[in-house]
Amino acid sequence: MRFMFVGDSMTIGRAGDYTWRYRMWQHLSSTLAGPHRIVGPRSELYEGSDAYADPGFPEHARRHLAGWGEGWQHMAPLIGPAAREGRADVLLVSLGLIDLGFYTDADQTAVNVRRFVAAAREARPGIRMVLLPVIPNVRAEKDAPFAAEVARFNELLAKAVADLTTAASPILLAARPSGYDIHQDTYDGTHPNASGEHRLAGEFAAVLHQAWGIGGPYRPAPQPR
């Protein structure tokens, strides 16, 4: 089974981060009985850094399709080639905040979600996807129109999942991770710190386990000293 992490700055991480990708790799490695692989065309952190918090994070597990400042509109044309080359079976996707903040409104962003899904399926007809809704960041606390766009997009994302999921290529909508607090689980009101990484990974892990029987309950692994 081949997993691909797709996301923006919350997923790629920066120098010194573990990343929620790392937490998911640990989880999958400890709970999957069968062979599996992390795939994707990239492996670096922001600005090309390879300074992960755990230098023992193996190169083969660092693979992803994520980029700082990249959203649904950027990933829609990239996902087909990436999924085809990596022979991805499951996409774990966290996108949307950067779109709404800088590029597209809720309706336009939802169109790009559908473009993304179509492209992924054209490349891999039986691909499965778990999509995380946008978690409002600190900007949403003071910018009411932006907060409204986030809420509207999350509604449109839920509709897209309901419209597009099929038996052959199911799509699941994750929830905002339980207890996620941008003042406690991020280092700047947007990007996850260690506790935020665990909460994000835990949500993806819960959806995979509860809906598809993949893996098991999420239990944070002890970190190297």
N, C-alpha and C. Protein backbone atom coordinates (compact mmCIF):
# COMPACT_ATOMS: atom_id res chain seq x y z
N MET A 1 0.84 -1.19 0.00
CA MET A 1 0.00 0.00 0.00
C MET A 1 0.88 1.24 0.00
N ARG A 2 0.57 2.15 -0.90
CA ARG A 2 1.40 3.34 -1.08
C ARG A 2 0.63 4.60 -0.68
N PHE A 3 1.20 5.35 0.24
CA PHE A 3 0.57 6.55 0.78
C PHE A 3 1.32 7.78 0.27
N MET A 4 0.54 8.82 -0.06
CA MET A 4 1.15 10.10 -0.45
C MET A 4 0.55 11.22 0.39
N PHE A 5 1.42 12.02 1.01
CA PHE A 5 1.00 13.19 1.76
C PHE A 5 0.98 14.38 0.81
N VAL A 6 -0.14 15.11 0.78
CA VAL A 6 -0.30 16.26 -0.10
C VAL A 6 -0.71 17.46 0.76
N GLY A 7 0.01 18.58 0.61
CA GLY A 7 -0.36 19.71 1.44
C GLY A 7 0.44 20.96 1.14
N ASP A 8 0.25 21.93 2.03
CA ASP A 8 0.90 23.23 1.90
C ASP A 8 1.98 23.36 2.97
N SER A 9 2.16 24.55 3.51
CA SER A 9 3.25 24.76 4.47
C SER A 9 3.04 23.98 5.77
N MET A 10 1.79 23.67 6.12
CA MET A 10 1.52 22.89 7.31
C MET A 10 2.01 21.45 7.16
N THR A 11 2.15 21.02 5.93
CA THR A 11 2.56 19.65 5.65
C THR A 11 4.03 19.53 5.32
N ILE A 12 4.55 20.46 4.53
CA ILE A 12 5.97 20.36 4.18
C ILE A 12 6.86 20.62 5.39
N GLY A 13 6.49 21.59 6.25
CA GLY A 13 7.29 21.91 7.42
C GLY A 13 8.53 22.72 7.08
N ARG A 14 9.21 23.15 8.12
CA ARG A 14 10.43 23.95 7.96
C ARG A 14 11.56 23.30 8.75
N ALA A 15 12.77 23.80 8.58
CA ALA A 15 13.93 23.24 9.28
C ALA A 15 13.67 23.16 10.78
N GLY A 16 13.96 22.02 11.36
CA GLY A 16 13.76 21.82 12.79
C GLY A 16 12.45 21.18 13.16
N ASP A 17 11.54 21.04 12.20
CA ASP A 17 10.25 20.38 12.45
C ASP A 17 10.38 18.87 12.34
N TYR A 18 9.54 18.16 13.10
CA TYR A 18 9.36 16.74 12.84
C TYR A 18 8.43 16.56 11.63
N THR A 19 7.35 17.35 11.58
CA THR A 19 6.24 17.32 10.61
C THR A 19 5.23 16.25 10.98
N TRP A 20 3.97 16.49 10.62
CA TRP A 20 2.96 15.47 10.87
C TRP A 20 3.17 14.28 9.94
N ARG A 21 3.89 14.48 8.84
CA ARG A 21 4.23 13.36 7.97
C ARG A 21 5.09 12.34 8.71
N TYR A 22 6.02 12.85 9.48
CA TYR A 22 6.88 11.99 10.29
C TYR A 22 6.05 11.21 11.30
N ARG A 23 5.12 11.90 11.95
CA ARG A 23 4.26 11.23 12.93
C ARG A 23 3.43 10.14 12.27
N MET A 24 2.93 10.39 11.06
CA MET A 24 2.15 9.39 10.35
C MET A 24 3.01 8.22 9.91
N TRP A 25 4.22 8.50 9.47
CA TRP A 25 5.14 7.42 9.09
C TRP A 25 5.39 6.51 10.28
N GLN A 26 5.64 7.11 11.45
CA GLN A 26 5.83 6.30 12.65
C GLN A 26 4.60 5.45 12.94
N HIS A 27 3.43 6.07 12.82
CA HIS A 27 2.18 5.36 13.11
C HIS A 27 1.97 4.20 12.14
N LEU A 28 2.13 4.45 10.86
CA LEU A 28 1.92 3.40 9.88
C LEU A 28 2.94 2.28 10.06
N SER A 29 4.18 2.64 10.36
CA SER A 29 5.21 1.64 10.54
C SER A 29 4.91 0.72 11.72
N SER A 30 4.24 1.26 12.73
CA SER A 30 3.98 0.47 13.94
C SER A 30 2.65 -0.27 13.91
N THR A 31 1.77 0.08 12.96
CA THR A 31 0.42 -0.52 12.99
C THR A 31 0.07 -1.33 11.75
N LEU A 32 0.79 -1.14 10.64
CA LEU A 32 0.46 -1.89 9.43
C LEU A 32 1.20 -3.21 9.41
N ALA A 33 0.45 -4.28 9.19
CA ALA A 33 1.07 -5.60 9.16
C ALA A 33 1.73 -5.88 7.82
N GLY A 34 1.14 -5.34 6.75
CA GLY A 34 1.64 -5.62 5.41
C GLY A 34 2.64 -4.60 4.93
N PRO A 35 3.24 -4.83 3.77
CA PRO A 35 4.20 -3.88 3.21
C PRO A 35 3.53 -2.57 2.82
N HIS A 36 4.24 -1.49 2.98
CA HIS A 36 3.71 -0.18 2.62
C HIS A 36 4.87 0.74 2.28
N ARG A 37 4.53 1.84 1.64
CA ARG A 37 5.57 2.78 1.22
C ARG A 37 5.00 4.20 1.22
N ILE A 38 5.83 5.17 1.57
CA ILE A 38 5.49 6.58 1.43
C ILE A 38 6.04 7.04 0.09
N VAL A 39 5.20 7.66 -0.75
CA VAL A 39 5.63 8.05 -2.08
C VAL A 39 5.37 9.53 -2.31
N GLY A 40 6.03 10.07 -3.33
CA GLY A 40 5.87 11.47 -3.71
C GLY A 40 7.12 11.98 -4.38
N PRO A 41 7.00 13.05 -5.15
CA PRO A 41 8.14 13.56 -5.92
C PRO A 41 9.11 14.42 -5.13
N ARG A 42 8.79 14.77 -3.90
CA ARG A 42 9.63 15.67 -3.11
C ARG A 42 9.99 15.00 -1.79
N SER A 43 10.99 15.53 -1.12
CA SER A 43 11.37 15.00 0.19
C SER A 43 11.83 16.09 1.15
N GLU A 44 12.02 17.31 0.64
CA GLU A 44 12.64 18.37 1.44
C GLU A 44 11.62 19.10 2.30
N LEU A 45 12.16 19.88 3.23
CA LEU A 45 11.40 20.85 4.00
C LEU A 45 11.41 22.18 3.24
N TYR A 46 10.82 23.21 3.85
CA TYR A 46 10.79 24.54 3.26
C TYR A 46 12.20 25.01 2.89
N GLU A 47 12.28 25.66 1.73
CA GLU A 47 13.53 26.21 1.18
C GLU A 47 14.58 25.14 0.94
N GLY A 48 14.12 23.91 0.68
CA GLY A 48 15.03 22.84 0.32
C GLY A 48 15.82 22.24 1.47
N SER A 49 15.49 22.62 2.70
CA SER A 49 16.22 22.10 3.86
C SER A 49 15.95 20.61 4.04
N ASP A 50 16.96 19.91 4.55
CA ASP A 50 16.77 18.51 4.94
C ASP A 50 16.99 18.34 6.45
N ALA A 51 16.90 19.46 7.19
CA ALA A 51 17.18 19.46 8.63
C ALA A 51 15.93 19.10 9.43
N TYR A 52 15.47 17.86 9.26
CA TYR A 52 14.35 17.37 10.07
C TYR A 52 14.77 17.27 11.53
N ALA A 53 13.82 17.40 12.44
CA ALA A 53 14.14 17.34 13.87
C ALA A 53 14.76 16.00 14.24
N ASP A 54 14.31 14.93 13.58
CA ASP A 54 14.92 13.62 13.78
C ASP A 54 15.75 13.28 12.55
N PRO A 55 17.07 13.37 12.64
CA PRO A 55 17.89 13.05 11.47
C PRO A 55 17.78 11.60 11.06
N GLY A 56 17.19 10.77 11.94
CA GLY A 56 16.98 9.37 11.61
C GLY A 56 15.73 9.11 10.78
N PHE A 57 14.98 10.16 10.47
CA PHE A 57 13.82 10.03 9.59
C PHE A 57 14.34 9.58 8.23
N PRO A 58 14.07 8.34 7.80
CA PRO A 58 14.73 7.82 6.60
C PRO A 58 14.29 8.51 5.33
N GLU A 59 15.20 8.62 4.40
CA GLU A 59 14.94 9.31 3.14
C GLU A 59 13.71 8.76 2.43
N HIS A 60 13.55 7.46 2.42
CA HIS A 60 12.42 6.87 1.68
C HIS A 60 11.08 7.23 2.30
N ALA A 61 11.07 7.58 3.59
CA ALA A 61 9.82 7.93 4.26
C ALA A 61 9.53 9.43 4.23
N ARG A 62 10.46 10.23 3.72
CA ARG A 62 10.28 11.67 3.66
C ARG A 62 9.51 12.13 2.41
N ARG A 63 9.13 11.21 1.56
CA ARG A 63 8.53 11.58 0.28
C ARG A 63 7.16 12.26 0.50
N HIS A 64 6.84 13.21 -0.37
CA HIS A 64 5.58 13.94 -0.25
C HIS A 64 5.32 14.74 -1.52
N LEU A 65 4.14 15.33 -1.58
CA LEU A 65 3.82 16.36 -2.57
C LEU A 65 3.24 17.54 -1.79
N ALA A 66 4.12 18.35 -1.26
CA ALA A 66 3.70 19.50 -0.46
C ALA A 66 4.62 20.66 -0.74
N GLY A 67 4.11 21.88 -0.56
CA GLY A 67 4.92 23.05 -0.83
C GLY A 67 4.46 24.26 -0.03
N TRP A 68 5.40 25.02 0.44
CA TRP A 68 5.10 26.26 1.16
C TRP A 68 4.44 27.22 0.19
N GLY A 69 3.26 27.69 0.51
CA GLY A 69 2.56 28.62 -0.36
C GLY A 69 1.80 27.96 -1.50
N GLU A 70 1.69 26.64 -1.50
CA GLU A 70 0.98 25.94 -2.57
C GLU A 70 -0.35 25.40 -2.04
N GLY A 71 -1.37 25.51 -2.90
CA GLY A 71 -2.71 25.09 -2.49
C GLY A 71 -3.35 24.18 -3.51
N TRP A 72 -4.67 24.09 -3.44
CA TRP A 72 -5.41 23.22 -4.38
C TRP A 72 -5.12 23.60 -5.82
N GLN A 73 -5.04 24.90 -6.11
CA GLN A 73 -4.85 25.31 -7.51
C GLN A 73 -3.47 24.90 -8.02
N HIS A 74 -2.49 24.81 -7.13
CA HIS A 74 -1.15 24.38 -7.53
C HIS A 74 -1.06 22.87 -7.66
N MET A 75 -1.74 22.16 -6.76
CA MET A 75 -1.62 20.71 -6.73
C MET A 75 -2.51 20.01 -7.76
N ALA A 76 -3.58 20.66 -8.20
CA ALA A 76 -4.46 20.02 -9.19
C ALA A 76 -3.72 19.59 -10.44
N PRO A 77 -2.83 20.41 -11.03
CA PRO A 77 -2.10 19.95 -12.21
C PRO A 77 -0.92 19.03 -11.90
N LEU A 78 -0.52 18.92 -10.63
CA LEU A 78 0.63 18.11 -10.25
C LEU A 78 0.26 16.71 -9.78
N ILE A 79 -0.96 16.55 -9.28
CA ILE A 79 -1.30 15.30 -8.62
C ILE A 79 -1.34 14.12 -9.59
N GLY A 80 -1.79 14.32 -10.81
CA GLY A 80 -1.85 13.22 -11.76
C GLY A 80 -0.49 12.59 -12.01
N PRO A 81 0.48 13.38 -12.48
CA PRO A 81 1.82 12.82 -12.69
C PRO A 81 2.44 12.24 -11.42
N ALA A 82 2.24 12.90 -10.27
CA ALA A 82 2.83 12.41 -9.02
C ALA A 82 2.21 11.08 -8.60
N ALA A 83 0.88 10.99 -8.70
CA ALA A 83 0.20 9.76 -8.31
C ALA A 83 0.55 8.62 -9.26
N ARG A 84 0.66 8.94 -10.53
CA ARG A 84 1.00 7.91 -11.52
C ARG A 84 2.42 7.39 -11.29
N GLU A 85 3.36 8.30 -11.14
CA GLU A 85 4.75 7.90 -10.96
C GLU A 85 4.95 7.13 -9.65
N GLY A 86 4.30 7.59 -8.59
CA GLY A 86 4.45 6.95 -7.29
C GLY A 86 3.53 5.76 -7.09
N ARG A 87 2.61 5.55 -8.05
CA ARG A 87 1.62 4.48 -7.95
C ARG A 87 0.88 4.55 -6.61
N ALA A 88 0.46 5.77 -6.27
CA ALA A 88 -0.18 6.02 -4.98
C ALA A 88 -1.52 5.29 -4.88
N ASP A 89 -1.77 4.72 -3.70
CA ASP A 89 -3.04 4.08 -3.40
C ASP A 89 -3.93 4.94 -2.52
N VAL A 90 -3.32 5.71 -1.62
CA VAL A 90 -4.06 6.54 -0.66
C VAL A 90 -3.42 7.92 -0.60
N LEU A 91 -4.23 8.95 -0.77
CA LEU A 91 -3.79 10.33 -0.62
C LEU A 91 -4.28 10.87 0.71
N LEU A 92 -3.40 11.46 1.49
CA LEU A 92 -3.75 12.14 2.73
C LEU A 92 -3.51 13.63 2.49
N VAL A 93 -4.60 14.40 2.41
CA VAL A 93 -4.53 15.75 1.85
C VAL A 93 -4.93 16.80 2.87
N SER A 94 -4.09 17.81 3.04
CA SER A 94 -4.39 18.97 3.87
C SER A 94 -4.07 20.23 3.07
N LEU A 95 -5.10 20.81 2.48
CA LEU A 95 -4.95 21.98 1.61
C LEU A 95 -6.11 22.94 1.81
N GLY A 96 -5.93 24.17 1.36
CA GLY A 96 -7.04 25.11 1.32
C GLY A 96 -6.81 26.44 1.99
N LEU A 97 -6.06 26.45 3.09
CA LEU A 97 -5.88 27.70 3.82
C LEU A 97 -5.16 28.74 2.97
N ILE A 98 -4.11 28.32 2.29
CA ILE A 98 -3.34 29.26 1.47
C ILE A 98 -4.14 29.74 0.28
N ASP A 99 -4.99 28.86 -0.29
CA ASP A 99 -5.85 29.27 -1.40
C ASP A 99 -6.74 30.43 -0.98
N LEU A 100 -7.44 30.22 0.13
CA LEU A 100 -8.41 31.21 0.60
C LEU A 100 -7.73 32.48 1.08
N GLY A 101 -6.52 32.34 1.56
CA GLY A 101 -5.81 33.51 2.08
C GLY A 101 -5.20 34.38 1.01
N PHE A 102 -4.85 33.78 -0.15
CA PHE A 102 -4.09 34.54 -1.14
C PHE A 102 -4.54 34.40 -2.59
N TYR A 103 -5.23 33.32 -2.95
CA TYR A 103 -5.41 33.04 -4.36
C TYR A 103 -6.86 33.01 -4.84
N THR A 104 -7.71 32.26 -4.16
CA THR A 104 -9.06 32.01 -4.69
C THR A 104 -10.09 32.07 -3.57
N ASP A 105 -11.34 32.41 -3.95
CA ASP A 105 -12.40 32.40 -2.95
C ASP A 105 -12.90 30.97 -2.75
N ALA A 106 -13.89 30.80 -1.89
CA ALA A 106 -14.36 29.46 -1.53
C ALA A 106 -14.87 28.69 -2.75
N ASP A 107 -15.64 29.35 -3.59
CA ASP A 107 -16.21 28.66 -4.75
C ASP A 107 -15.13 28.25 -5.74
N GLN A 108 -14.19 29.14 -6.00
CA GLN A 108 -13.09 28.82 -6.92
C GLN A 108 -12.21 27.70 -6.36
N THR A 109 -11.98 27.74 -5.06
CA THR A 109 -11.17 26.70 -4.43
C THR A 109 -11.86 25.35 -4.53
N ALA A 110 -13.19 25.33 -4.35
CA ALA A 110 -13.93 24.08 -4.46
C ALA A 110 -13.86 23.51 -5.88
N VAL A 111 -13.83 24.38 -6.88
CA VAL A 111 -13.65 23.91 -8.26
C VAL A 111 -12.30 23.23 -8.40
N ASN A 112 -11.28 23.78 -7.78
CA ASN A 112 -9.96 23.19 -7.86
C ASN A 112 -9.87 21.85 -7.12
N VAL A 113 -10.66 21.71 -6.07
CA VAL A 113 -10.75 20.39 -5.40
C VAL A 113 -11.24 19.35 -6.38
N ARG A 114 -12.27 19.68 -7.13
CA ARG A 114 -12.83 18.73 -8.09
C ARG A 114 -11.85 18.45 -9.22
N ARG A 115 -11.10 19.45 -9.64
CA ARG A 115 -10.06 19.23 -10.65
C ARG A 115 -9.00 18.27 -10.12
N PHE A 116 -8.62 18.45 -8.88
CA PHE A 116 -7.64 17.60 -8.24
C PHE A 116 -8.11 16.15 -8.20
N VAL A 117 -9.33 15.94 -7.76
CA VAL A 117 -9.88 14.58 -7.66
C VAL A 117 -9.92 13.92 -9.04
N ALA A 118 -10.38 14.66 -10.04
CA ALA A 118 -10.46 14.10 -11.40
C ALA A 118 -9.09 13.71 -11.92
N ALA A 119 -8.10 14.56 -11.68
CA ALA A 119 -6.75 14.28 -12.16
C ALA A 119 -6.14 13.07 -11.45
N ALA A 120 -6.37 12.97 -10.14
CA ALA A 120 -5.85 11.83 -9.39
C ALA A 120 -6.46 10.53 -9.89
N ARG A 121 -7.76 10.56 -10.16
CA ARG A 121 -8.43 9.35 -10.63
C ARG A 121 -8.05 9.00 -12.06
N GLU A 122 -7.80 9.99 -12.88
CA GLU A 122 -7.36 9.69 -14.24
C GLU A 122 -6.04 8.93 -14.21
N ALA A 123 -5.18 9.32 -13.28
CA ALA A 123 -3.88 8.66 -13.15
C ALA A 123 -3.99 7.31 -12.45
N ARG A 124 -4.85 7.25 -11.42
CA ARG A 124 -4.99 6.04 -10.60
C ARG A 124 -6.47 5.82 -10.32
N PRO A 125 -7.18 5.11 -11.18
CA PRO A 125 -8.64 4.99 -11.08
C PRO A 125 -9.15 4.49 -9.73
N GLY A 126 -8.40 3.67 -9.04
CA GLY A 126 -8.87 3.14 -7.77
C GLY A 126 -8.32 3.84 -6.55
N ILE A 127 -7.79 5.04 -6.73
CA ILE A 127 -7.15 5.74 -5.63
C ILE A 127 -8.16 6.12 -4.55
N ARG A 128 -7.71 6.11 -3.30
CA ARG A 128 -8.53 6.55 -2.16
C ARG A 128 -7.95 7.84 -1.60
N MET A 129 -8.82 8.66 -1.02
CA MET A 129 -8.38 9.96 -0.53
C MET A 129 -9.03 10.28 0.81
N VAL A 130 -8.26 10.89 1.69
CA VAL A 130 -8.77 11.47 2.92
C VAL A 130 -8.44 12.95 2.87
N LEU A 131 -9.48 13.80 2.97
CA LEU A 131 -9.30 15.25 2.86
C LEU A 131 -9.57 15.90 4.21
N LEU A 132 -8.66 16.74 4.64
CA LEU A 132 -8.83 17.47 5.89
C LEU A 132 -9.46 18.82 5.60
N PRO A 133 -10.49 19.22 6.35
CA PRO A 133 -11.03 20.57 6.15
C PRO A 133 -10.03 21.63 6.58
N VAL A 134 -10.26 22.84 6.15
CA VAL A 134 -9.37 23.94 6.54
C VAL A 134 -9.58 24.27 8.02
N ILE A 135 -8.48 24.33 8.76
CA ILE A 135 -8.53 24.75 10.15
C ILE A 135 -8.32 26.26 10.17
N PRO A 136 -9.31 27.04 10.62
CA PRO A 136 -9.12 28.50 10.63
C PRO A 136 -7.89 28.88 11.45
N ASN A 137 -7.09 29.78 10.90
CA ASN A 137 -5.88 30.18 11.61
C ASN A 137 -6.11 31.49 12.35
N VAL A 138 -5.04 32.09 12.84
CA VAL A 138 -5.18 33.28 13.67
C VAL A 138 -5.80 34.44 12.90
N ARG A 139 -5.59 34.48 11.59
CA ARG A 139 -6.18 35.56 10.80
C ARG A 139 -7.71 35.54 10.91
N ALA A 140 -8.29 34.36 10.98
CA ALA A 140 -9.75 34.24 11.02
C ALA A 140 -10.35 34.83 12.29
N GLU A 141 -9.53 34.98 13.34
CA GLU A 141 -10.04 35.54 14.58
C GLU A 141 -10.34 37.03 14.47
N LYS A 142 -9.64 37.72 13.53
CA LYS A 142 -9.82 39.17 13.41
C LYS A 142 -10.38 39.59 12.07
N ASP A 143 -10.42 38.68 11.12
CA ASP A 143 -10.86 38.99 9.76
C ASP A 143 -12.14 38.20 9.49
N ALA A 144 -13.29 38.83 9.77
CA ALA A 144 -14.57 38.12 9.65
C ALA A 144 -14.85 37.64 8.24
N PRO A 145 -14.59 38.42 7.18
CA PRO A 145 -14.83 37.92 5.82
C PRO A 145 -13.99 36.68 5.50
N PHE A 146 -12.74 36.68 5.96
CA PHE A 146 -11.90 35.51 5.74
C PHE A 146 -12.44 34.30 6.49
N ALA A 147 -12.84 34.50 7.72
CA ALA A 147 -13.42 33.40 8.50
C ALA A 147 -14.66 32.84 7.81
N ALA A 148 -15.45 33.73 7.21
CA ALA A 148 -16.66 33.29 6.51
C ALA A 148 -16.30 32.47 5.27
N GLU A 149 -15.25 32.87 4.58
CA GLU A 149 -14.81 32.11 3.39
C GLU A 149 -14.32 30.71 3.80
N VAL A 150 -13.61 30.63 4.92
CA VAL A 150 -13.14 29.34 5.40
C VAL A 150 -14.34 28.44 5.71
N ALA A 151 -15.33 29.00 6.41
CA ALA A 151 -16.51 28.21 6.75
C ALA A 151 -17.26 27.77 5.50
N ARG A 152 -17.40 28.68 4.55
CA ARG A 152 -18.09 28.33 3.31
C ARG A 152 -17.33 27.26 2.53
N PHE A 153 -16.01 27.40 2.46
CA PHE A 153 -15.25 26.39 1.74
C PHE A 153 -15.39 25.03 2.39
N ASN A 154 -15.35 24.97 3.70
CA ASN A 154 -15.50 23.68 4.36
C ASN A 154 -16.85 23.03 4.06
N GLU A 155 -17.88 23.85 3.91
CA GLU A 155 -19.18 23.32 3.49
C GLU A 155 -19.11 22.78 2.06
N LEU A 156 -18.47 23.53 1.18
CA LEU A 156 -18.33 23.10 -0.20
C LEU A 156 -17.44 21.86 -0.32
N LEU A 157 -16.45 21.76 0.54
CA LEU A 157 -15.59 20.58 0.53
C LEU A 157 -16.39 19.35 0.93
N ALA A 158 -17.22 19.48 1.95
CA ALA A 158 -18.07 18.36 2.36
C ALA A 158 -19.01 17.95 1.24
N LYS A 159 -19.55 18.93 0.52
CA LYS A 159 -20.43 18.62 -0.60
C LYS A 159 -19.67 17.90 -1.71
N ALA A 160 -18.46 18.37 -1.99
CA ALA A 160 -17.65 17.74 -3.04
C ALA A 160 -17.35 16.28 -2.68
N VAL A 161 -17.02 16.03 -1.43
CA VAL A 161 -16.76 14.66 -1.00
C VAL A 161 -18.01 13.81 -1.18
N ALA A 162 -19.16 14.32 -0.77
CA ALA A 162 -20.41 13.57 -0.92
C ALA A 162 -20.73 13.32 -2.39
N ASP A 163 -20.48 14.31 -3.23
CA ASP A 163 -20.79 14.17 -4.66
C ASP A 163 -19.84 13.21 -5.37
N LEU A 164 -18.58 13.23 -4.99
CA LEU A 164 -17.54 12.59 -5.79
C LEU A 164 -17.13 11.20 -5.31
N THR A 165 -17.41 10.86 -4.06
CA THR A 165 -16.98 9.56 -3.57
C THR A 165 -17.68 8.44 -4.33
N THR A 166 -16.95 7.38 -4.62
CA THR A 166 -17.49 6.22 -5.32
C THR A 166 -16.98 4.96 -4.63
N ALA A 167 -17.62 3.84 -4.94
CA ALA A 167 -17.16 2.57 -4.37
C ALA A 167 -15.77 2.23 -4.87
N ALA A 168 -15.49 2.56 -6.12
CA ALA A 168 -14.19 2.23 -6.70
C ALA A 168 -13.08 3.15 -6.21
N SER A 169 -13.43 4.39 -5.93
CA SER A 169 -12.44 5.39 -5.51
C SER A 169 -13.05 6.25 -4.40
N PRO A 170 -13.10 5.70 -3.19
CA PRO A 170 -13.78 6.42 -2.10
C PRO A 170 -12.98 7.63 -1.60
N ILE A 171 -13.73 8.63 -1.17
CA ILE A 171 -13.14 9.83 -0.57
C ILE A 171 -13.76 10.01 0.81
N LEU A 172 -12.95 10.28 1.79
CA LEU A 172 -13.43 10.52 3.14
C LEU A 172 -13.08 11.93 3.57
N LEU A 173 -14.00 12.56 4.30
CA LEU A 173 -13.75 13.87 4.87
C LEU A 173 -13.37 13.70 6.33
N ALA A 174 -12.17 14.10 6.67
CA ALA A 174 -11.75 14.08 8.06
C ALA A 174 -12.44 15.21 8.81
N ALA A 175 -12.23 15.26 10.10
CA ALA A 175 -12.78 16.34 10.93
C ALA A 175 -11.63 17.22 11.42
N ARG A 176 -11.97 18.37 11.92
CA ARG A 176 -10.94 19.15 12.64
C ARG A 176 -10.46 18.29 13.79
N PRO A 177 -9.17 18.09 13.93
CA PRO A 177 -8.68 17.21 15.00
C PRO A 177 -9.22 17.61 16.36
N SER A 178 -9.64 16.63 17.12
CA SER A 178 -10.22 16.87 18.44
C SER A 178 -9.25 17.64 19.32
N GLY A 179 -9.75 18.73 19.89
CA GLY A 179 -8.95 19.52 20.82
C GLY A 179 -7.94 20.45 20.17
N TYR A 180 -7.90 20.51 18.84
CA TYR A 180 -6.89 21.34 18.17
C TYR A 180 -7.12 22.80 18.50
N ASP A 181 -6.11 23.44 19.06
CA ASP A 181 -6.18 24.84 19.50
C ASP A 181 -5.00 25.57 18.86
N ILE A 182 -5.29 26.54 18.01
CA ILE A 182 -4.21 27.21 17.28
C ILE A 182 -3.26 27.96 18.22
N HIS A 183 -3.72 28.24 19.45
CA HIS A 183 -2.84 28.94 20.39
C HIS A 183 -1.96 27.98 21.18
N GLN A 184 -2.30 26.71 21.13
CA GLN A 184 -1.51 25.71 21.84
C GLN A 184 -0.81 24.73 20.90
N ASP A 185 -1.39 24.51 19.73
CA ASP A 185 -0.92 23.46 18.83
C ASP A 185 -0.21 23.99 17.59
N THR A 186 0.09 25.29 17.56
CA THR A 186 0.87 25.88 16.47
C THR A 186 1.94 26.78 17.08
N TYR A 187 2.95 27.11 16.29
CA TYR A 187 3.98 28.01 16.79
C TYR A 187 3.77 29.46 16.36
N ASP A 188 2.77 29.68 15.47
CA ASP A 188 2.54 31.04 14.99
C ASP A 188 1.07 31.31 14.67
N GLY A 189 0.18 30.49 15.15
CA GLY A 189 -1.23 30.65 14.85
C GLY A 189 -1.67 29.94 13.58
N THR A 190 -0.73 29.30 12.88
CA THR A 190 -1.05 28.58 11.64
C THR A 190 -0.34 27.23 11.57
N HIS A 191 0.97 27.22 11.74
CA HIS A 191 1.77 26.03 11.48
C HIS A 191 1.91 25.17 12.73
N PRO A 192 1.71 23.86 12.61
CA PRO A 192 1.68 23.00 13.79
C PRO A 192 3.03 22.88 14.48
N ASN A 193 2.98 22.91 15.81
CA ASN A 193 4.14 22.53 16.61
C ASN A 193 4.04 21.03 16.89
N ALA A 194 4.82 20.52 17.82
CA ALA A 194 4.83 19.08 18.05
C ALA A 194 3.45 18.54 18.42
N SER A 195 2.74 19.23 19.32
CA SER A 195 1.41 18.73 19.69
C SER A 195 0.44 18.82 18.52
N GLY A 196 0.57 19.88 17.72
CA GLY A 196 -0.29 19.99 16.54
C GLY A 196 -0.02 18.90 15.52
N GLU A 197 1.26 18.56 15.35
CA GLU A 197 1.61 17.48 14.43
C GLU A 197 0.94 16.18 14.86
N HIS A 198 0.98 15.90 16.15
CA HIS A 198 0.35 14.67 16.64
C HIS A 198 -1.17 14.70 16.42
N ARG A 199 -1.78 15.85 16.63
CA ARG A 199 -3.23 15.93 16.45
C ARG A 199 -3.61 15.74 14.98
N LEU A 200 -2.85 16.32 14.06
CA LEU A 200 -3.13 16.15 12.64
C LEU A 200 -2.95 14.69 12.23
N ALA A 201 -1.82 14.12 12.61
CA ALA A 201 -1.58 12.71 12.28
C ALA A 201 -2.64 11.83 12.91
N GLY A 202 -3.03 12.14 14.13
CA GLY A 202 -4.04 11.34 14.82
C GLY A 202 -5.37 11.34 14.11
N GLU A 203 -5.75 12.48 13.53
CA GLU A 203 -7.02 12.54 12.80
C GLU A 203 -6.97 11.69 11.54
N PHE A 204 -5.90 11.82 10.77
CA PHE A 204 -5.77 10.98 9.58
C PHE A 204 -5.75 9.50 9.97
N ALA A 205 -5.02 9.18 11.02
CA ALA A 205 -4.93 7.78 11.46
C ALA A 205 -6.30 7.25 11.87
N ALA A 206 -7.08 8.06 12.58
CA ALA A 206 -8.40 7.63 13.03
C ALA A 206 -9.32 7.35 11.85
N VAL A 207 -9.30 8.23 10.85
CA VAL A 207 -10.15 8.03 9.68
C VAL A 207 -9.76 6.75 8.94
N LEU A 208 -8.47 6.56 8.71
CA LEU A 208 -8.01 5.36 8.02
C LEU A 208 -8.43 4.10 8.75
N HIS A 209 -8.27 4.11 10.06
CA HIS A 209 -8.57 2.92 10.86
C HIS A 209 -10.07 2.65 10.95
N GLN A 210 -10.83 3.70 11.26
CA GLN A 210 -12.26 3.52 11.50
C GLN A 210 -13.04 3.24 10.23
N ALA A 211 -12.65 3.87 9.12
CA ALA A 211 -13.41 3.71 7.88
C ALA A 211 -12.93 2.55 7.02
N TRP A 212 -11.63 2.33 6.98
CA TRP A 212 -11.08 1.35 6.05
C TRP A 212 -10.29 0.24 6.72
N GLY A 213 -10.20 0.27 8.04
CA GLY A 213 -9.47 -0.76 8.74
C GLY A 213 -7.97 -0.75 8.49
N ILE A 214 -7.44 0.41 8.12
CA ILE A 214 -6.01 0.56 7.85
C ILE A 214 -5.31 1.04 9.12
N GLY A 215 -4.29 0.32 9.55
CA GLY A 215 -3.55 0.73 10.73
C GLY A 215 -4.31 0.40 12.00
N GLY A 216 -4.21 1.29 12.97
CA GLY A 216 -4.86 1.09 14.25
C GLY A 216 -5.05 2.41 14.95
N PRO A 217 -5.47 2.40 16.21
CA PRO A 217 -5.59 3.65 16.97
C PRO A 217 -4.25 4.37 17.04
N TYR A 218 -4.30 5.68 17.05
CA TYR A 218 -3.08 6.48 17.04
C TYR A 218 -2.49 6.56 18.44
N ARG A 219 -1.23 6.16 18.55
CA ARG A 219 -0.52 6.28 19.82
C ARG A 219 0.84 6.92 19.51
N PRO A 220 1.06 8.14 19.98
CA PRO A 220 2.33 8.83 19.69
C PRO A 220 3.54 7.98 20.09
N ALA A 221 4.49 7.89 19.19
CA ALA A 221 5.70 7.13 19.47
C ALA A 221 6.66 7.97 20.30
N PRO A 222 7.45 7.35 21.16
CA PRO A 222 8.47 8.13 21.90
C PRO A 222 9.50 8.69 20.95
N GLN A 223 9.96 9.90 21.23
CA GLN A 223 10.91 10.56 20.34
C GLN A 223 12.35 10.30 20.76
N PRO A 224 13.28 10.30 19.78
CA PRO A 224 14.68 10.12 20.12
C PRO A 224 15.20 11.26 20.97
N ARG A 225 16.10 10.96 21.86
CA ARG A 225 16.68 12.01 22.72
C ARG A 225 17.84 12.68 22.02
